[in-house]
Amino acid sequence: DIVRMKRAGYYAVPAAKGPGSVLSGIGLVKEFILHTNSENVNVNNEFGLYKWREDRNENQLEEPLKENDHAMDGIRYALFTAFGKPNKKVWVV
């Protein structure tokens, strides 16, 4: 939690969350060009596993499935909290 991270000497702030923040955050992440190191195994795996809910006709809905998303959530929280709504940026994760 944030208190423990601060005690350990890290700069930590609460993530910006609220109604609609998941879809807004995903939209924000899509505006970035993300590059990851090959050693970021979990992040790299999740890029390929992220899924969206589908209706019975297999049409993709605007609702992410809550599975295989911990690293993606972390990236989304950081970008959404820091920037809100920027133009396309390049980040190395």
C-alpha atoms as a PDB file:
ATOM      1  CA  ASP A   1       0.000   0.000   0.000  1.00  0.00           C
ATOM      2  CA  ILE A   2       0.993   3.643  -0.355  1.00  0.00           C
ATOM      3  CA  VAL A   3       2.004   4.152   3.293  1.00  0.00           C
ATOM      4  CA  ARG A   4       4.425   1.213   3.181  1.00  0.00           C
ATOM      5  CA  MET A   5       5.907   2.402  -0.115  1.00  0.00           C
ATOM      6  CA  LYS A   6       6.453   5.896   1.306  1.00  0.00           C
ATOM      7  CA  ARG A   7       8.108   4.451   4.431  1.00  0.00           C
ATOM      8  CA  ALA A   8      10.428   2.478   2.158  1.00  0.00           C
ATOM      9  CA  GLY A   9      11.485   5.749   0.510  1.00  0.00           C
ATOM     10  CA  TYR A  10       9.460   5.588  -2.693  1.00  0.00           C
ATOM     11  CA  TYR A  11       7.444   8.471  -4.084  1.00  0.00           C
ATOM     12  CA  ALA A  12       3.867   7.180  -4.094  1.00  0.00           C
ATOM     13  CA  VAL A  13       0.506   8.843  -4.688  1.00  0.00           C
ATOM     14  CA  PRO A  14      -3.004   7.376  -4.948  1.00  0.00           C
ATOM     15  CA  ALA A  15      -4.100   6.441  -8.474  1.00  0.00           C
ATOM     16  CA  ALA A  16      -6.819   8.574 -10.049  1.00  0.00           C
ATOM     17  CA  LYS A  17      -9.876   6.323 -10.120  1.00  0.00           C
ATOM     18  CA  GLY A  18     -13.592   6.808 -10.348  1.00  0.00           C
ATOM     19  CA  PRO A  19     -16.598   6.242 -12.567  1.00  0.00           C
ATOM     20  CA  GLY A  20     -15.468   5.739 -16.153  1.00  0.00           C
ATOM     21  CA  SER A  21     -11.773   5.813 -15.260  1.00  0.00           C
ATOM     22  CA  VAL A  22     -11.087   2.307 -16.607  1.00  0.00           C
ATOM     23  CA  LEU A  23     -12.259   3.058 -20.142  1.00  0.00           C
ATOM     24  CA  SER A  24     -10.807   6.581 -20.034  1.00  0.00           C
ATOM     25  CA  GLY A  25      -7.503   5.155 -18.826  1.00  0.00           C
ATOM     26  CA  ILE A  26      -7.446   2.483 -21.524  1.00  0.00           C
ATOM     27  CA  GLY A  27      -8.151   5.160 -24.124  1.00  0.00           C
ATOM     28  CA  LEU A  28      -5.281   7.190 -22.717  1.00  0.00           C
ATOM     29  CA  VAL A  29      -2.854   4.250 -22.809  1.00  0.00           C
ATOM     30  CA  LYS A  30      -3.765   3.709 -26.474  1.00  0.00           C
ATOM     31  CA  GLU A  31      -2.523   7.256 -27.180  1.00  0.00           C
ATOM     32  CA  PHE A  32       0.987   6.281 -26.099  1.00  0.00           C
ATOM     33  CA  ILE A  33       3.585   4.313 -27.981  1.00  0.00           C
ATOM     34  CA  LEU A  34       4.845   1.922 -25.309  1.00  0.00           C
ATOM     35  CA  HIS A  35       8.173   0.141 -25.529  1.00  0.00           C
ATOM     36  CA  THR A  36       9.054  -2.548 -23.011  1.00  0.00           C
ATOM     37  CA  ASN A  37      12.254  -4.290 -22.118  1.00  0.00           C
ATOM     38  CA  SER A  38      12.328  -8.001 -22.968  1.00  0.00           C
ATOM     39  CA  GLU A  39      12.954  -8.682 -19.258  1.00  0.00           C
ATOM     40  CA  ASN A  40       9.483  -7.292 -18.389  1.00  0.00           C
ATOM     41  CA  VAL A  41       7.991 -10.762 -18.773  1.00  0.00           C
ATOM     42  CA  ASN A  42       4.637 -10.072 -17.072  1.00  0.00           C
ATOM     43  CA  VAL A  43       4.034  -6.817 -18.936  1.00  0.00           C
ATOM     44  CA  ASN A  44       4.965  -8.358 -22.282  1.00  0.00           C
ATOM     45  CA  ASN A  45       2.762 -11.410 -21.662  1.00  0.00           C
ATOM     46  CA  GLU A  46      -0.215  -9.271 -20.686  1.00  0.00           C
ATOM     47  CA  PHE A  47      -0.010  -7.192 -23.864  1.00  0.00           C
ATOM     48  CA  GLY A  48      -0.936 -10.358 -25.737  1.00  0.00           C
ATOM     49  CA  LEU A  49      -3.500 -11.634 -23.221  1.00  0.00           C
ATOM     50  CA  TYR A  50      -5.627  -8.518 -22.683  1.00  0.00           C
ATOM     51  CA  LYS A  51      -9.193  -9.301 -23.729  1.00  0.00           C
ATOM     52  CA  TRP A  52     -12.487  -7.504 -24.197  1.00  0.00           C
ATOM     53  CA  ARG A  53     -15.913  -8.906 -23.343  1.00  0.00           C
ATOM     54  CA  GLU A  54     -17.961 -10.091 -26.319  1.00  0.00           C
ATOM     55  CA  ASP A  55     -21.699 -10.406 -26.837  1.00  0.00           C
ATOM     56  CA  ARG A  56     -23.325 -13.681 -27.927  1.00  0.00           C
ATOM     57  CA  ASN A  57     -22.584 -12.824 -31.584  1.00  0.00           C
ATOM     58  CA  GLU A  58     -18.870 -12.397 -30.748  1.00  0.00           C
ATOM     59  CA  ASN A  59     -19.012  -8.624 -31.222  1.00  0.00           C
ATOM     60  CA  GLN A  60     -16.434  -6.898 -29.049  1.00  0.00           C
ATOM     61  CA  LEU A  61     -17.944  -4.737 -26.300  1.00  0.00           C
ATOM     62  CA  GLU A  62     -16.335  -1.694 -24.673  1.00  0.00           C
ATOM     63  CA  GLU A  63     -15.752  -3.618 -21.454  1.00  0.00           C
ATOM     64  CA  PRO A  64     -12.421  -5.242 -20.614  1.00  0.00           C
ATOM     65  CA  LEU A  65     -12.372  -8.668 -19.006  1.00  0.00           C
ATOM     66  CA  LYS A  66     -10.899  -8.562 -15.510  1.00  0.00           C
ATOM     67  CA  GLU A  67      -8.263 -11.252 -16.048  1.00  0.00           C
ATOM     68  CA  ASN A  68      -4.568 -11.142 -16.921  1.00  0.00           C
ATOM     69  CA  ASP A  69      -4.569  -7.382 -16.332  1.00  0.00           C
ATOM     70  CA  HIS A  70      -2.448  -6.549 -13.280  1.00  0.00           C
ATOM     71  CA  ALA A  71       0.502  -5.098 -15.190  1.00  0.00           C
ATOM     72  CA  MET A  72      -1.836  -3.315 -17.615  1.00  0.00           C
ATOM     73  CA  ASP A  73      -3.721  -1.818 -14.662  1.00  0.00           C
ATOM     74  CA  GLY A  74      -0.444  -0.544 -13.237  1.00  0.00           C
ATOM     75  CA  ILE A  75       0.497   1.136 -16.516  1.00  0.00           C
ATOM     76  CA  ARG A  76      -2.999   2.601 -16.845  1.00  0.00           C
ATOM     77  CA  TYR A  77      -3.004   3.908 -13.254  1.00  0.00           C
ATOM     78  CA  ALA A  78       0.386   5.568 -13.670  1.00  0.00           C
ATOM     79  CA  LEU A  79      -0.385   7.257 -16.994  1.00  0.00           C
ATOM     80  CA  PHE A  80      -3.932   8.309 -16.068  1.00  0.00           C
ATOM     81  CA  THR A  81      -2.826   9.680 -12.687  1.00  0.00           C
ATOM     82  CA  ALA A  82       0.163  11.559 -14.123  1.00  0.00           C
ATOM     83  CA  PHE A  83      -1.265  12.884 -17.367  1.00  0.00           C
ATOM     84  CA  GLY A  84      -5.022  12.662 -17.571  1.00  0.00           C
ATOM     85  CA  LYS A  85      -5.388  13.247 -21.311  1.00  0.00           C
ATOM     86  CA  PRO A  86      -2.151  14.004 -23.270  1.00  0.00           C
ATOM     87  CA  ASN A  87      -1.360  13.869 -26.958  1.00  0.00           C
ATOM     88  CA  LYS A  88       0.563  10.830 -28.238  1.00  0.00           C
ATOM     89  CA  LYS A  89       3.756  10.313 -26.219  1.00  0.00           C
ATOM     90  CA  VAL A  90       6.513   7.735 -26.272  1.00  0.00           C
ATOM     91  CA  TRP A  91       7.213   5.849 -23.036  1.00  0.00           C
ATOM     92  CA  VAL A  92       9.628   3.091 -22.138  1.00  0.00           C
ATOM     93  CA  VAL A  93       8.229   0.724 -19.479  1.00  0.00           C
END
